[in-house]
Amino acid sequence: MIKIPVYLRDMCDAKHLVQAASGCEKNVDLICGRYIVDAKSMLGVFSLPTFDDVELGAEEEDENKKWRKKSCS
């Protein structure tokens, strides 16, 4: 899993993050301390206790799947 620090200043930033995450095929989570919520869910993002010290967690693509796709082409 890739983790990227995220700074959300206000609800508008949260809305834009949810819109961007919704475009991803893989699972995208927001991690804030012991809380992990779905970054594609506005309700999940708003349920975070704070917007400080938030990380975006995204699944990495499996290297074997990448290789299989290239070899089949």
N, C-alpha and C. Protein backbone atom coordinates (compact mmCIF):
# COMPACT_ATOMS: atom_id res chain seq x y z
N MET A 1 0.85 -1.18 0.00
CA MET A 1 0.00 0.00 0.00
C MET A 1 0.88 1.23 0.00
N ILE A 2 0.53 2.17 -0.84
CA ILE A 2 1.22 3.45 -0.92
C ILE A 2 0.53 4.41 0.05
N LYS A 3 1.30 5.15 0.85
CA LYS A 3 0.73 6.13 1.78
C LYS A 3 1.29 7.51 1.46
N ILE A 4 0.37 8.47 1.31
CA ILE A 4 0.74 9.85 0.96
C ILE A 4 0.10 10.79 1.98
N PRO A 5 0.88 11.66 2.62
CA PRO A 5 0.28 12.64 3.54
C PRO A 5 -0.65 13.60 2.79
N VAL A 6 -1.79 13.90 3.40
CA VAL A 6 -2.78 14.77 2.78
C VAL A 6 -3.15 15.86 3.79
N TYR A 7 -3.28 17.08 3.31
CA TYR A 7 -3.72 18.19 4.15
C TYR A 7 -5.06 18.69 3.63
N LEU A 8 -6.08 18.56 4.43
CA LEU A 8 -7.42 19.03 4.07
C LEU A 8 -7.73 20.27 4.91
N ARG A 9 -7.84 21.41 4.25
CA ARG A 9 -8.10 22.66 4.98
C ARG A 9 -9.56 22.81 5.38
N ASP A 10 -10.45 22.36 4.49
CA ASP A 10 -11.87 22.58 4.75
C ASP A 10 -12.71 21.52 4.03
N MET A 11 -14.02 21.67 4.11
CA MET A 11 -14.94 20.70 3.50
C MET A 11 -14.82 20.69 1.98
N CYS A 12 -14.46 21.81 1.40
CA CYS A 12 -14.31 21.89 -0.06
C CYS A 12 -13.13 21.00 -0.50
N ASP A 13 -12.03 21.02 0.24
CA ASP A 13 -10.90 20.14 -0.07
C ASP A 13 -11.32 18.68 0.06
N ALA A 14 -12.10 18.37 1.08
CA ALA A 14 -12.58 17.00 1.28
C ALA A 14 -13.44 16.55 0.11
N LYS A 15 -14.29 17.45 -0.37
CA LYS A 15 -15.17 17.13 -1.51
C LYS A 15 -14.34 16.82 -2.76
N HIS A 16 -13.32 17.62 -3.02
CA HIS A 16 -12.47 17.40 -4.18
C HIS A 16 -11.68 16.09 -4.06
N LEU A 17 -11.25 15.77 -2.85
CA LEU A 17 -10.53 14.51 -2.63
C LEU A 17 -11.44 13.31 -2.92
N VAL A 18 -12.68 13.37 -2.47
CA VAL A 18 -13.64 12.28 -2.70
C VAL A 18 -13.90 12.13 -4.20
N GLN A 19 -14.03 13.24 -4.91
CA GLN A 19 -14.26 13.18 -6.36
C GLN A 19 -13.07 12.55 -7.08
N ALA A 20 -11.86 12.90 -6.67
CA ALA A 20 -10.66 12.33 -7.29
C ALA A 20 -10.53 10.85 -6.96
N ALA A 21 -10.79 10.47 -5.72
CA ALA A 21 -10.69 9.07 -5.30
C ALA A 21 -11.73 8.21 -6.00
N SER A 22 -12.89 8.77 -6.27
CA SER A 22 -13.95 8.02 -6.93
C SER A 22 -13.57 7.60 -8.35
N GLY A 23 -12.64 8.28 -8.95
CA GLY A 23 -12.18 7.94 -10.28
C GLY A 23 -11.18 6.80 -10.32
N CYS A 24 -10.75 6.34 -9.16
CA CYS A 24 -9.76 5.25 -9.10
C CYS A 24 -10.45 3.89 -9.07
N GLU A 25 -9.87 2.92 -9.76
CA GLU A 25 -10.41 1.57 -9.75
C GLU A 25 -10.08 0.84 -8.45
N LYS A 26 -8.91 1.08 -7.91
CA LYS A 26 -8.45 0.40 -6.69
C LYS A 26 -9.07 1.03 -5.45
N ASN A 27 -8.91 0.33 -4.32
CA ASN A 27 -9.38 0.87 -3.05
C ASN A 27 -8.50 2.05 -2.64
N VAL A 28 -9.13 3.09 -2.14
CA VAL A 28 -8.44 4.27 -1.66
C VAL A 28 -8.99 4.58 -0.28
N ASP A 29 -8.11 4.67 0.72
CA ASP A 29 -8.52 4.91 2.10
C ASP A 29 -7.88 6.17 2.63
N LEU A 30 -8.52 6.76 3.64
CA LEU A 30 -7.91 7.84 4.40
C LEU A 30 -7.62 7.28 5.78
N ILE A 31 -6.41 7.53 6.26
CA ILE A 31 -5.97 7.01 7.54
C ILE A 31 -5.67 8.20 8.45
N CYS A 32 -6.32 8.21 9.60
CA CYS A 32 -6.12 9.27 10.59
C CYS A 32 -6.00 8.59 11.95
N GLY A 33 -4.76 8.37 12.38
CA GLY A 33 -4.55 7.65 13.64
C GLY A 33 -5.03 6.22 13.52
N ARG A 34 -5.96 5.84 14.37
CA ARG A 34 -6.49 4.47 14.32
C ARG A 34 -7.72 4.34 13.44
N TYR A 35 -8.15 5.44 12.83
CA TYR A 35 -9.33 5.43 11.97
C TYR A 35 -8.92 5.22 10.51
N ILE A 36 -9.62 4.33 9.83
CA ILE A 36 -9.43 4.12 8.40
C ILE A 36 -10.81 4.20 7.75
N VAL A 37 -10.97 5.13 6.80
CA VAL A 37 -12.25 5.29 6.13
C VAL A 37 -12.05 5.23 4.63
N ASP A 38 -13.11 4.93 3.92
CA ASP A 38 -13.10 4.88 2.46
C ASP A 38 -13.02 6.30 1.91
N ALA A 39 -11.98 6.59 1.14
CA ALA A 39 -11.80 7.94 0.60
C ALA A 39 -12.81 8.26 -0.50
N LYS A 40 -13.54 7.26 -0.97
CA LYS A 40 -14.56 7.47 -1.99
C LYS A 40 -15.91 7.82 -1.38
N SER A 41 -15.98 7.85 -0.05
CA SER A 41 -17.23 8.11 0.66
C SER A 41 -17.18 9.46 1.36
N MET A 42 -18.06 10.36 0.96
CA MET A 42 -18.12 11.67 1.60
C MET A 42 -18.45 11.53 3.08
N LEU A 43 -19.38 10.63 3.40
CA LEU A 43 -19.75 10.40 4.80
C LEU A 43 -18.55 9.88 5.59
N GLY A 44 -17.77 8.97 4.98
CA GLY A 44 -16.58 8.45 5.64
C GLY A 44 -15.57 9.53 5.92
N VAL A 45 -15.32 10.38 4.94
CA VAL A 45 -14.34 11.47 5.11
C VAL A 45 -14.81 12.43 6.20
N PHE A 46 -16.09 12.78 6.20
CA PHE A 46 -16.60 13.71 7.21
C PHE A 46 -16.63 13.10 8.60
N SER A 47 -16.56 11.77 8.70
CA SER A 47 -16.59 11.13 10.02
C SER A 47 -15.21 11.12 10.68
N LEU A 48 -14.18 11.56 9.96
CA LEU A 48 -12.85 11.62 10.58
C LEU A 48 -12.87 12.60 11.74
N PRO A 49 -12.17 12.28 12.83
CA PRO A 49 -12.18 13.17 13.99
C PRO A 49 -11.50 14.51 13.72
N THR A 50 -10.54 14.52 12.82
CA THR A 50 -9.82 15.75 12.49
C THR A 50 -9.27 15.63 11.08
N PHE A 51 -8.96 16.74 10.45
CA PHE A 51 -8.36 16.71 9.12
C PHE A 51 -6.84 16.88 9.21
N ASP A 52 -6.29 16.89 10.42
CA ASP A 52 -4.85 16.99 10.61
C ASP A 52 -4.24 15.59 10.60
N ASP A 53 -3.02 15.48 10.14
CA ASP A 53 -2.28 14.21 10.12
C ASP A 53 -3.05 13.09 9.43
N VAL A 54 -3.55 13.37 8.23
CA VAL A 54 -4.30 12.39 7.44
C VAL A 54 -3.38 11.87 6.35
N GLU A 55 -3.44 10.56 6.12
CA GLU A 55 -2.69 9.94 5.03
C GLU A 55 -3.66 9.29 4.06
N LEU A 56 -3.33 9.36 2.79
CA LEU A 56 -4.09 8.69 1.75
C LEU A 56 -3.40 7.36 1.49
N GLY A 57 -4.15 6.28 1.60
CA GLY A 57 -3.60 4.95 1.34
C GLY A 57 -4.24 4.36 0.10
N ALA A 58 -3.40 3.94 -0.85
CA ALA A 58 -3.91 3.36 -2.09
C ALA A 58 -3.20 2.04 -2.35
N GLU A 59 -3.95 1.10 -2.92
CA GLU A 59 -3.37 -0.20 -3.25
C GLU A 59 -2.43 -0.06 -4.44
N GLU A 60 -1.33 -0.80 -4.39
CA GLU A 60 -0.41 -0.84 -5.52
C GLU A 60 -0.87 -1.92 -6.49
N GLU A 61 -0.57 -1.73 -7.76
CA GLU A 61 -0.90 -2.75 -8.74
C GLU A 61 0.08 -3.90 -8.59
N ASP A 62 -0.43 -5.11 -8.63
CA ASP A 62 0.38 -6.31 -8.48
C ASP A 62 1.33 -6.42 -9.67
N GLU A 63 2.62 -6.63 -9.39
CA GLU A 63 3.63 -6.73 -10.45
C GLU A 63 3.36 -7.91 -11.37
N ASN A 64 2.84 -9.03 -10.84
CA ASN A 64 2.55 -10.19 -11.67
C ASN A 64 1.45 -9.88 -12.67
N LYS A 65 0.45 -9.12 -12.25
CA LYS A 65 -0.63 -8.76 -13.16
C LYS A 65 -0.11 -7.86 -14.27
N LYS A 66 0.78 -6.93 -13.93
CA LYS A 66 1.37 -6.05 -14.95
C LYS A 66 2.11 -6.90 -15.98
N TRP A 67 2.89 -7.87 -15.52
CA TRP A 67 3.67 -8.69 -16.42
C TRP A 67 2.77 -9.51 -17.32
N ARG A 68 1.69 -10.08 -16.75
CA ARG A 68 0.76 -10.89 -17.55
C ARG A 68 0.09 -10.05 -18.63
N LYS A 69 -0.28 -8.81 -18.29
CA LYS A 69 -0.92 -7.93 -19.28
C LYS A 69 0.03 -7.64 -20.43
N LYS A 70 1.32 -7.39 -20.11
CA LYS A 70 2.28 -7.07 -21.16
C LYS A 70 2.58 -8.29 -22.03
N SER A 71 2.66 -9.47 -21.43
CA SER A 71 3.01 -10.65 -22.19
C SER A 71 1.85 -11.12 -23.07
N CYS A 72 0.64 -10.80 -22.71
CA CYS A 72 -0.53 -11.21 -23.50
C CYS A 72 -0.77 -10.30 -24.68
N SER A 73 -0.19 -9.12 -24.65
CA SER A 73 -0.43 -8.14 -25.73
C SER A 73 0.32 -8.47 -26.97
